[in-house]
Amino acid sequence: MRGLTGKVAIVTGATRAMGAAIAERLCDEGASVVGTGRDEGAGRAIAERIGAAGGRASFVRGDLAVRADIEHVVDVATERYGPVDIVVNNAAAVDMIRSGVEGTVLDESLEAFERQVRVGVYAPLLLAQAVLPSMVARGTGSFVSVSAWNATRAVPAVTGYAAAKAALEALDRQIARDYGAHGIRANSVLTGMIRVDQNQDLHDSELGPAIRSQVQILSAVGAPADIAGAVAFLASEDARFITGTTLAVEGGAIAKGGFPSDLFARYIEGLKKGSRI
């Protein structure tokens, strides 16, 4: 993959499987990465693992709902490695789904909705405001956001999460439109049923294959590495003529059309009960 050697990247939500895979892939392609999240122990362990493999990575603890924390992450990245070239907006308040806080429009509290929007939309906006002046001055930069099928398909009772993902894709298109003339690109990766630690028992259960067969075209189980590869591609020079778009990495779920009302609803309920169907 061309164009990542020597680049500096920030990856949000880097303490979980998806963010870790993205950070590792970017480092494998030659970038220096600063990961951020709230779990300092997990974040530092991932950075150390990357370092042991020969990569350049650091972790900075931060709450992406707090502007000062975002600015601190950008400052650390710039001081350690140089101006930021790549921003990967991976963080999302998925813990609110697993805890059962997310609900239908009537059930959703304003506090829950605001938390989803702060992490999923406000944080990417503030990150963009922090790094864009340098990108514009240098005539280069790439934003890649991790979206989800919730942005384009109605999934039961995840109001705030769905709204945040749709807004995140719109924000990327706006960045692409406003700053493309300065050599800056912005794209999204739309994810589907990706097997991570938090939902592995759902995928491995007897209902897992049935859910996948109804939701997606491919029989394969989606993995964080699939998303990481797409993110690395969109961030690289191989995607230099791609901007303002969303790359679907979801096993053909959108092409298949619709979601099963019964099994997928049980999938969501399982997430809310601690990844149990």
Protein backbone atom coordinates (compact mmCIF):
# COMPACT_ATOMS: atom_id res chain seq x y z
CA MET A 1 0.00 0.00 0.00
CA ARG A 2 1.50 3.32 -1.07
CA GLY A 3 1.77 6.56 0.81
CA LEU A 4 1.69 5.70 4.52
CA THR A 5 5.41 5.55 5.23
CA GLY A 6 6.35 8.50 7.40
CA LYS A 7 2.76 9.61 7.92
CA VAL A 8 1.39 10.51 11.36
CA ALA A 9 -2.01 9.19 12.34
CA ILE A 10 -4.43 9.57 15.24
CA VAL A 11 -6.77 6.64 15.89
CA THR A 12 -9.63 7.19 18.32
CA GLY A 13 -11.20 4.33 20.23
CA ALA A 14 -7.87 2.52 20.03
CA THR A 15 -8.34 0.39 23.16
CA ARG A 16 -10.75 -2.14 21.63
CA ALA A 17 -10.38 -4.76 18.91
CA MET A 18 -11.37 -2.54 15.98
CA GLY A 19 -9.22 0.41 16.98
CA ALA A 20 -6.28 -1.85 17.85
CA ALA A 21 -6.46 -3.57 14.47
CA ILE A 22 -6.55 -0.21 12.69
CA ALA A 23 -3.58 1.12 14.67
CA GLU A 24 -1.57 -2.03 13.99
CA ARG A 25 -2.33 -2.01 10.27
CA LEU A 26 -1.38 1.66 9.87
CA CYS A 27 1.89 0.99 11.68
CA ASP A 28 2.52 -2.06 9.51
CA GLU A 29 2.19 0.23 6.50
CA GLY A 30 4.82 2.62 7.91
CA ALA A 31 2.78 5.25 9.75
CA SER A 32 3.41 6.51 13.28
CA VAL A 33 0.24 6.22 15.32
CA VAL A 34 -1.13 7.89 18.44
CA GLY A 35 -4.08 5.97 19.80
CA THR A 36 -6.53 7.40 22.27
CA GLY A 37 -9.33 6.10 24.47
CA ARG A 38 -10.40 5.90 28.10
CA ASP A 39 -8.81 2.55 29.05
CA GLU A 40 -5.20 3.49 29.68
CA GLY A 41 -4.05 -0.03 30.53
CA ALA A 42 -5.42 -1.53 27.32
CA GLY A 43 -4.19 1.37 25.24
CA ARG A 44 -0.64 1.19 26.52
CA ALA A 45 -0.57 -2.58 26.05
CA ILE A 46 -1.54 -2.17 22.40
CA ALA A 47 1.10 0.52 21.85
CA GLU A 48 3.74 -1.70 23.46
CA ARG A 49 2.71 -4.63 21.27
CA ILE A 50 3.08 -2.48 18.17
CA GLY A 51 6.46 -1.25 19.38
CA ALA A 52 7.67 -4.79 20.01
CA ALA A 53 6.78 -5.61 16.40
CA GLY A 54 8.87 -2.70 15.14
CA GLY A 55 6.18 -0.07 14.76
CA ARG A 56 5.96 3.46 16.15
CA ALA A 57 2.95 3.95 18.39
CA SER A 58 1.94 5.82 21.52
CA PHE A 59 -1.19 5.95 23.61
CA VAL A 60 -2.73 9.06 25.16
CA ARG A 61 -5.66 8.62 27.49
CA GLY A 62 -8.54 10.93 26.72
CA ASP A 63 -12.31 11.32 26.84
CA LEU A 64 -13.42 12.38 23.37
CA ALA A 65 -16.42 14.15 24.81
CA VAL A 66 -13.97 16.70 26.29
CA ARG A 67 -12.42 19.35 23.99
CA ALA A 68 -9.28 19.75 26.13
CA ASP A 69 -8.56 16.02 25.90
CA ILE A 70 -8.84 16.12 22.11
CA GLU A 71 -6.49 19.07 21.85
CA HIS A 72 -4.02 17.29 24.14
CA VAL A 73 -3.99 14.21 21.90
CA VAL A 74 -3.23 16.35 18.85
CA ASP A 75 -0.47 18.21 20.72
CA VAL A 76 1.19 14.96 21.83
CA ALA A 77 1.03 13.48 18.32
CA THR A 78 2.58 16.60 16.83
CA GLU A 79 5.33 16.82 19.44
CA ARG A 80 6.32 13.16 19.20
CA TYR A 81 6.01 12.44 15.51
CA GLY A 82 5.21 15.61 13.59
CA PRO A 83 2.13 17.19 11.99
CA VAL A 84 -0.91 14.92 11.80
CA ASP A 85 -1.60 13.53 8.32
CA ILE A 86 -4.36 11.03 9.07
CA VAL A 87 -7.30 11.03 11.48
CA VAL A 88 -9.28 7.84 12.00
CA ASN A 89 -12.56 8.44 13.80
CA ASN A 90 -13.24 5.01 15.23
CA ALA A 91 -14.56 5.81 18.72
CA ALA A 92 -18.25 5.30 19.44
CA ALA A 93 -20.30 4.97 22.60
CA VAL A 94 -21.15 1.31 21.94
CA ASP A 95 -21.05 0.65 25.67
CA MET A 96 -24.39 2.43 25.83
CA ILE A 97 -25.91 -0.21 23.56
CA ARG A 98 -24.54 -3.08 25.63
CA SER A 99 -25.73 -1.45 28.84
CA GLY A 100 -29.27 -1.15 27.49
CA VAL A 101 -29.33 2.66 27.63
CA GLU A 102 -30.03 3.00 23.90
CA GLY A 103 -33.66 2.61 22.91
CA THR A 104 -36.45 3.65 20.60
CA VAL A 105 -37.17 7.31 19.96
CA LEU A 106 -39.69 7.36 22.80
CA ASP A 107 -37.34 5.51 25.15
CA GLU A 108 -34.16 7.43 24.36
CA SER A 109 -33.13 9.90 27.04
CA LEU A 110 -31.64 13.22 26.04
CA GLU A 111 -28.56 12.37 28.10
CA ALA A 112 -28.01 9.12 26.19
CA PHE A 113 -28.57 10.79 22.83
CA GLU A 114 -26.19 13.62 23.70
CA ARG A 115 -23.45 11.19 24.76
CA GLN A 116 -23.70 9.36 21.44
CA VAL A 117 -23.50 12.60 19.51
CA ARG A 118 -20.65 13.99 21.61
CA VAL A 119 -18.46 10.94 21.06
CA GLY A 120 -19.61 10.12 17.54
CA VAL A 121 -19.95 13.58 15.99
CA TYR A 122 -18.65 16.37 18.22
CA ALA A 123 -15.31 14.65 18.76
CA PRO A 124 -14.61 14.16 15.03
CA LEU A 125 -15.58 17.79 14.44
CA LEU A 126 -13.24 19.03 17.16
CA LEU A 127 -10.43 16.79 15.91
CA ALA A 128 -10.90 18.16 12.42
CA GLN A 129 -10.79 21.73 13.71
CA ALA A 130 -7.57 20.94 15.56
CA VAL A 131 -5.67 19.40 12.62
CA LEU A 132 -7.12 21.09 9.54
CA PRO A 133 -5.07 24.32 9.73
CA SER A 134 -1.83 22.33 9.50
CA MET A 135 -3.22 20.08 6.77
CA VAL A 136 -4.38 23.06 4.72
CA ALA A 137 -0.97 24.73 5.09
CA ARG A 138 0.79 21.57 3.90
CA GLY A 139 -1.74 20.68 1.21
CA THR A 140 -2.36 17.13 2.40
CA GLY A 141 -4.47 15.16 4.84
CA SER A 142 -6.89 12.27 5.13
CA PHE A 143 -9.87 11.60 7.38
CA VAL A 144 -11.35 8.12 7.63
CA SER A 145 -14.36 7.46 9.85
CA VAL A 146 -15.71 4.09 10.94
CA SER A 147 -19.43 4.18 10.34
CA ALA A 148 -21.97 1.36 10.57
CA TRP A 149 -24.96 0.05 8.64
CA ASN A 150 -27.12 1.90 11.17
CA ALA A 151 -26.36 5.03 9.11
CA THR A 152 -28.34 3.70 6.15
CA ARG A 153 -30.55 0.91 7.54
CA ALA A 154 -32.99 1.03 10.44
CA VAL A 155 -31.89 -1.32 13.21
CA PRO A 156 -34.17 -1.83 16.22
CA ALA A 157 -33.88 0.58 19.15
CA VAL A 158 -30.47 2.23 18.75
CA THR A 159 -31.64 5.81 18.19
CA GLY A 160 -28.63 7.84 19.31
CA TYR A 161 -26.04 5.50 17.79
CA ALA A 162 -27.80 5.46 14.42
CA ALA A 163 -28.18 9.24 14.33
CA ALA A 164 -24.53 9.74 15.26
CA LYS A 165 -23.27 7.41 12.51
CA ALA A 166 -25.40 9.10 9.85
CA ALA A 167 -24.16 12.51 10.98
CA LEU A 168 -20.55 11.28 10.97
CA GLU A 169 -20.81 10.27 7.31
CA ALA A 170 -22.32 13.67 6.51
CA LEU A 171 -19.46 15.39 8.34
CA ASP A 172 -16.91 13.50 6.24
CA ARG A 173 -18.66 14.57 3.05
CA GLN A 174 -18.60 18.17 4.25
CA ILE A 175 -14.88 18.03 5.01
CA ALA A 176 -14.29 16.50 1.58
CA ARG A 177 -16.29 19.26 -0.11
CA ASP A 178 -14.84 22.18 1.83
CA TYR A 179 -11.17 21.17 1.80
CA GLY A 180 -10.67 19.01 -1.28
CA ALA A 181 -9.07 21.93 -3.09
CA HIS A 182 -6.35 21.85 -0.41
CA GLY A 183 -5.47 18.21 -1.08
CA ILE A 184 -7.50 16.90 1.87
CA ARG A 185 -9.72 13.83 1.55
CA ALA A 186 -12.43 12.46 3.84
CA ASN A 187 -14.18 9.10 3.59
CA SER A 188 -16.11 6.62 5.73
CA VAL A 189 -16.01 2.85 6.11
CA LEU A 190 -19.44 1.33 6.74
CA THR A 191 -19.24 -1.80 8.88
CA GLY A 192 -21.68 -4.66 9.38
CA MET A 193 -21.56 -7.73 11.60
CA ILE A 194 -17.94 -7.68 12.73
CA ARG A 195 -16.85 -10.28 15.28
CA VAL A 196 -15.17 -8.59 18.25
CA ASP A 197 -14.64 -9.56 21.88
CA GLN A 198 -17.88 -7.93 22.95
CA ASN A 199 -20.06 -10.00 20.62
CA GLN A 200 -18.05 -13.14 19.92
CA ASP A 201 -20.50 -15.39 21.72
CA LEU A 202 -23.27 -14.10 19.47
CA HIS A 203 -21.28 -15.02 16.37
CA ASP A 204 -20.26 -18.37 17.83
CA SER A 205 -23.73 -19.33 19.03
CA GLU A 206 -26.04 -21.65 17.11
CA LEU A 207 -28.00 -18.63 15.88
CA GLY A 208 -24.88 -16.89 14.55
CA PRO A 209 -24.88 -18.52 11.08
CA ALA A 210 -28.63 -18.02 10.74
CA ILE A 211 -28.37 -14.33 11.56
CA ARG A 212 -25.47 -13.84 9.14
CA SER A 213 -27.25 -15.70 6.32
CA GLN A 214 -30.30 -13.46 6.68
CA VAL A 215 -28.34 -10.23 7.06
CA GLN A 216 -25.45 -10.53 4.59
CA ILE A 217 -24.57 -12.17 1.27
CA LEU A 218 -21.20 -13.64 2.21
CA SER A 219 -21.01 -16.51 4.67
CA ALA A 220 -17.69 -15.27 6.07
CA VAL A 221 -17.49 -13.79 9.55
CA GLY A 222 -16.35 -10.16 9.44
CA ALA A 223 -13.17 -9.40 11.40
CA PRO A 224 -11.52 -6.20 12.65
CA ALA A 225 -8.71 -6.84 10.16
CA ASP A 226 -11.22 -6.42 7.32
CA ILE A 227 -12.07 -2.94 8.55
CA ALA A 228 -8.43 -2.08 9.24
CA GLY A 229 -7.48 -2.95 5.67
CA ALA A 230 -10.20 -0.70 4.28
CA VAL A 231 -9.18 2.17 6.56
CA ALA A 232 -5.52 1.83 5.57
CA PHE A 233 -6.46 1.83 1.89
CA LEU A 234 -8.60 4.97 2.16
CA ALA A 235 -5.87 6.74 4.14
CA SER A 236 -3.18 5.85 1.60
CA GLU A 237 -2.08 7.28 -1.73
CA ASP A 238 -3.70 4.31 -3.43
CA ALA A 239 -6.99 6.11 -2.70
CA ARG A 240 -5.76 9.54 -3.78
CA PHE A 241 -8.72 9.96 -6.17
CA ILE A 242 -11.35 8.85 -3.65
CA THR A 243 -13.09 11.34 -1.39
CA GLY A 244 -16.50 12.12 0.04
CA THR A 245 -17.68 8.54 -0.18
CA THR A 246 -18.53 5.57 2.01
CA LEU A 247 -16.92 2.17 1.45
CA ALA A 248 -19.20 -0.64 2.62
CA VAL A 249 -17.33 -3.51 4.29
CA GLU A 250 -20.30 -5.54 5.49
CA GLY A 251 -20.42 -8.79 3.55
CA GLY A 252 -23.04 -7.51 1.14
CA ALA A 253 -25.66 -6.60 3.74
CA ILE A 254 -26.84 -3.49 1.92
CA ALA A 255 -27.03 -5.26 -1.44
CA LYS A 256 -29.06 -8.02 0.18
CA GLY A 257 -31.51 -5.44 1.46
CA GLY A 258 -33.34 -5.27 4.75
CA PHE A 259 -32.76 -7.03 8.04
CA PRO A 260 -34.58 -9.97 9.66
CA SER A 261 -37.04 -8.56 12.14
CA ASP A 262 -36.85 -11.49 14.52
CA LEU A 263 -33.28 -12.77 14.64
CA PHE A 264 -31.61 -9.40 14.28
CA ALA A 265 -33.79 -7.93 16.99
CA ARG A 266 -32.56 -10.77 19.22
CA TYR A 267 -29.00 -9.90 18.23
CA ILE A 268 -29.46 -6.31 19.40
CA GLU A 269 -31.16 -7.43 22.58
CA GLY A 270 -28.24 -9.77 23.17
CA LEU A 271 -25.82 -6.86 22.96
CA LYS A 272 -27.86 -4.97 25.51
CA LYS A 273 -27.74 -7.94 27.88
CA GLY A 274 -23.99 -8.35 27.71
CA SER A 275 -23.60 -10.12 24.36
CA ARG A 276 -26.03 -12.93 25.11
CA ILE A 277 -28.72 -14.20 22.75
